[in-house]
């Protein structure tokens, strides 16, 4: 199943938040490499984010969210997705040399 998690980040960021960013990004990379996360997006203002999870259940997605190093700083809402399409899910484009 596919779930979109909408995240709200704090407007003011302290040193504790900043120190956790490297471990947070590393954990996100692990989940991407495992196929648990399809995409991870943060807006330019760094106040919102969207994560597309590919998990068996919503509970599994929520468990992964709770493991995020920045979990204590975020609020989130999980949306069940019926259709999620993107260029990356298409066959590679052919390029004539």
C-alpha atoms as a PDB file:
ATOM      1  CA  UNK A   1       0.000   0.000   0.000  1.00  0.00           C
ATOM      2  CA  UNK A   2       1.031   3.589  -0.498  1.00  0.00           C
ATOM      3  CA  UNK A   3       0.662   6.327   2.102  1.00  0.00           C
ATOM      4  CA  UNK A   4       1.441  10.028   1.873  1.00  0.00           C
ATOM      5  CA  UNK A   5       2.535  11.541   5.142  1.00  0.00           C
ATOM      6  CA  UNK A   6       2.122  15.296   5.423  1.00  0.00           C
ATOM      7  CA  UNK A   7       4.562  16.721   7.956  1.00  0.00           C
ATOM      8  CA  UNK A   8       4.617  20.082   9.684  1.00  0.00           C
ATOM      9  CA  UNK A   9       8.006  21.231  10.910  1.00  0.00           C
ATOM     10  CA  UNK A  10       8.620  23.915  13.552  1.00  0.00           C
ATOM     11  CA  UNK A  11       8.960  27.511  12.380  1.00  0.00           C
ATOM     12  CA  UNK A  12      11.827  28.113  14.763  1.00  0.00           C
ATOM     13  CA  UNK A  13      14.676  25.632  14.685  1.00  0.00           C
ATOM     14  CA  UNK A  14      16.988  25.214  17.666  1.00  0.00           C
ATOM     15  CA  UNK A  15      20.408  23.565  18.004  1.00  0.00           C
ATOM     16  CA  UNK A  16      18.877  20.271  19.169  1.00  0.00           C
ATOM     17  CA  UNK A  17      16.892  20.090  15.908  1.00  0.00           C
ATOM     18  CA  UNK A  18      19.964  20.979  13.820  1.00  0.00           C
ATOM     19  CA  UNK A  19      22.091  18.278  15.492  1.00  0.00           C
ATOM     20  CA  UNK A  20      19.569  15.607  14.508  1.00  0.00           C
ATOM     21  CA  UNK A  21      19.398  16.511  10.814  1.00  0.00           C
ATOM     22  CA  UNK A  22      22.360  14.309   9.718  1.00  0.00           C
ATOM     23  CA  UNK A  23      20.976  11.190  11.442  1.00  0.00           C
ATOM     24  CA  UNK A  24      17.505  12.002  10.116  1.00  0.00           C
ATOM     25  CA  UNK A  25      18.770  12.250   6.527  1.00  0.00           C
ATOM     26  CA  UNK A  26      20.756   9.021   6.975  1.00  0.00           C
ATOM     27  CA  UNK A  27      17.639   7.197   8.210  1.00  0.00           C
ATOM     28  CA  UNK A  28      15.589   8.561   5.302  1.00  0.00           C
ATOM     29  CA  UNK A  29      18.287   7.272   2.912  1.00  0.00           C
ATOM     30  CA  UNK A  30      18.134   3.816   4.498  1.00  0.00           C
ATOM     31  CA  UNK A  31      14.354   3.709   4.086  1.00  0.00           C
ATOM     32  CA  UNK A  32      14.642   4.846   0.456  1.00  0.00           C
ATOM     33  CA  UNK A  33      17.225   2.145  -0.227  1.00  0.00           C
ATOM     34  CA  UNK A  34      14.934  -0.447   1.402  1.00  0.00           C
ATOM     35  CA  UNK A  35      12.023   0.676  -0.783  1.00  0.00           C
ATOM     36  CA  UNK A  36       9.967   1.818   2.224  1.00  0.00           C
ATOM     37  CA  UNK A  37      10.065   5.459   1.058  1.00  0.00           C
ATOM     38  CA  UNK A  38       9.378   6.371  -2.573  1.00  0.00           C
ATOM     39  CA  UNK A  39       9.927  10.094  -2.192  1.00  0.00           C
ATOM     40  CA  UNK A  40      10.843  12.662   0.437  1.00  0.00           C
ATOM     41  CA  UNK A  41      10.120  16.364  -0.049  1.00  0.00           C
ATOM     42  CA  UNK A  42      10.578  19.453   2.137  1.00  0.00           C
ATOM     43  CA  UNK A  43       9.297  22.857   1.042  1.00  0.00           C
ATOM     44  CA  UNK A  44      11.626  25.821   0.562  1.00  0.00           C
ATOM     45  CA  UNK A  45      10.514  27.444   3.815  1.00  0.00           C
ATOM     46  CA  UNK A  46      11.357  24.224   5.687  1.00  0.00           C
ATOM     47  CA  UNK A  47       7.964  24.232   7.376  1.00  0.00           C
ATOM     48  CA  UNK A  48       6.248  21.336   5.586  1.00  0.00           C
ATOM     49  CA  UNK A  49       7.220  17.996   4.150  1.00  0.00           C
ATOM     50  CA  UNK A  50       5.716  15.092   2.283  1.00  0.00           C
ATOM     51  CA  UNK A  51       6.864  11.485   2.433  1.00  0.00           C
ATOM     52  CA  UNK A  52       5.469   8.756   0.196  1.00  0.00           C
ATOM     53  CA  UNK A  53       5.691   5.455   2.064  1.00  0.00           C
ATOM     54  CA  UNK A  54       5.384   2.033   0.459  1.00  0.00           C
ATOM     55  CA  UNK A  55       4.425  -0.194   3.408  1.00  0.00           C
ATOM     56  CA  UNK A  56       2.112  -3.127   4.027  1.00  0.00           C
ATOM     57  CA  UNK A  57      -0.067  -1.181   6.474  1.00  0.00           C
ATOM     58  CA  UNK A  58      -0.661   2.317   7.794  1.00  0.00           C
ATOM     59  CA  UNK A  59       0.570   1.093  11.182  1.00  0.00           C
ATOM     60  CA  UNK A  60       3.918   0.161   9.623  1.00  0.00           C
ATOM     61  CA  UNK A  61       4.217   3.648   8.107  1.00  0.00           C
ATOM     62  CA  UNK A  62       3.401   5.170  11.481  1.00  0.00           C
ATOM     63  CA  UNK A  63       6.021   3.001  13.199  1.00  0.00           C
ATOM     64  CA  UNK A  64       8.640   4.253  10.735  1.00  0.00           C
ATOM     65  CA  UNK A  65       7.580   7.863  11.304  1.00  0.00           C
ATOM     66  CA  UNK A  66       7.985   7.378  15.053  1.00  0.00           C
ATOM     67  CA  UNK A  67      11.566   6.191  14.430  1.00  0.00           C
ATOM     68  CA  UNK A  68      12.535   9.383  12.604  1.00  0.00           C
ATOM     69  CA  UNK A  69      15.245  11.253  14.526  1.00  0.00           C
ATOM     70  CA  UNK A  70      13.207  14.471  14.117  1.00  0.00           C
ATOM     71  CA  UNK A  71       9.980  12.832  15.323  1.00  0.00           C
ATOM     72  CA  UNK A  72       9.787  14.896  18.521  1.00  0.00           C
ATOM     73  CA  UNK A  73       9.681  18.103  16.448  1.00  0.00           C
ATOM     74  CA  UNK A  74       7.004  17.201  13.904  1.00  0.00           C
ATOM     75  CA  UNK A  75       3.277  16.828  13.639  1.00  0.00           C
ATOM     76  CA  UNK A  76       1.912  14.692  10.836  1.00  0.00           C
ATOM     77  CA  UNK A  77      -1.116  13.302   9.100  1.00  0.00           C
ATOM     78  CA  UNK A  78      -1.203  10.034   7.161  1.00  0.00           C
ATOM     79  CA  UNK A  79      -3.215   9.824   3.948  1.00  0.00           C
ATOM     80  CA  UNK A  80      -3.970   6.535   2.210  1.00  0.00           C
ATOM     81  CA  UNK A  81      -3.179   6.880  -1.504  1.00  0.00           C
ATOM     82  CA  UNK A  82      -5.212   5.264  -4.268  1.00  0.00           C
ATOM     83  CA  UNK A  83      -3.005   6.436  -7.164  1.00  0.00           C
ATOM     84  CA  UNK A  84       0.589   7.628  -7.070  1.00  0.00           C
ATOM     85  CA  UNK A  85       2.192   8.050 -10.469  1.00  0.00           C
ATOM     86  CA  UNK A  86       5.457   9.641 -11.464  1.00  0.00           C
ATOM     87  CA  UNK A  87       7.960   9.712 -14.273  1.00  0.00           C
ATOM     88  CA  UNK A  88      10.240   7.439 -12.250  1.00  0.00           C
ATOM     89  CA  UNK A  89       7.651   4.649 -12.507  1.00  0.00           C
ATOM     90  CA  UNK A  90       7.744   4.760 -16.312  1.00  0.00           C
ATOM     91  CA  UNK A  91       9.972   2.912 -18.716  1.00  0.00           C
ATOM     92  CA  UNK A  92      13.240   4.720 -19.360  1.00  0.00           C
ATOM     93  CA  UNK A  93      13.075   7.261 -22.154  1.00  0.00           C
ATOM     94  CA  UNK A  94      14.846   6.288 -25.318  1.00  0.00           C
ATOM     95  CA  UNK A  95      17.536   8.648 -26.551  1.00  0.00           C
ATOM     96  CA  UNK A  96      18.874   8.385 -30.044  1.00  0.00           C
ATOM     97  CA  UNK A  97      22.647   8.797 -30.203  1.00  0.00           C
END
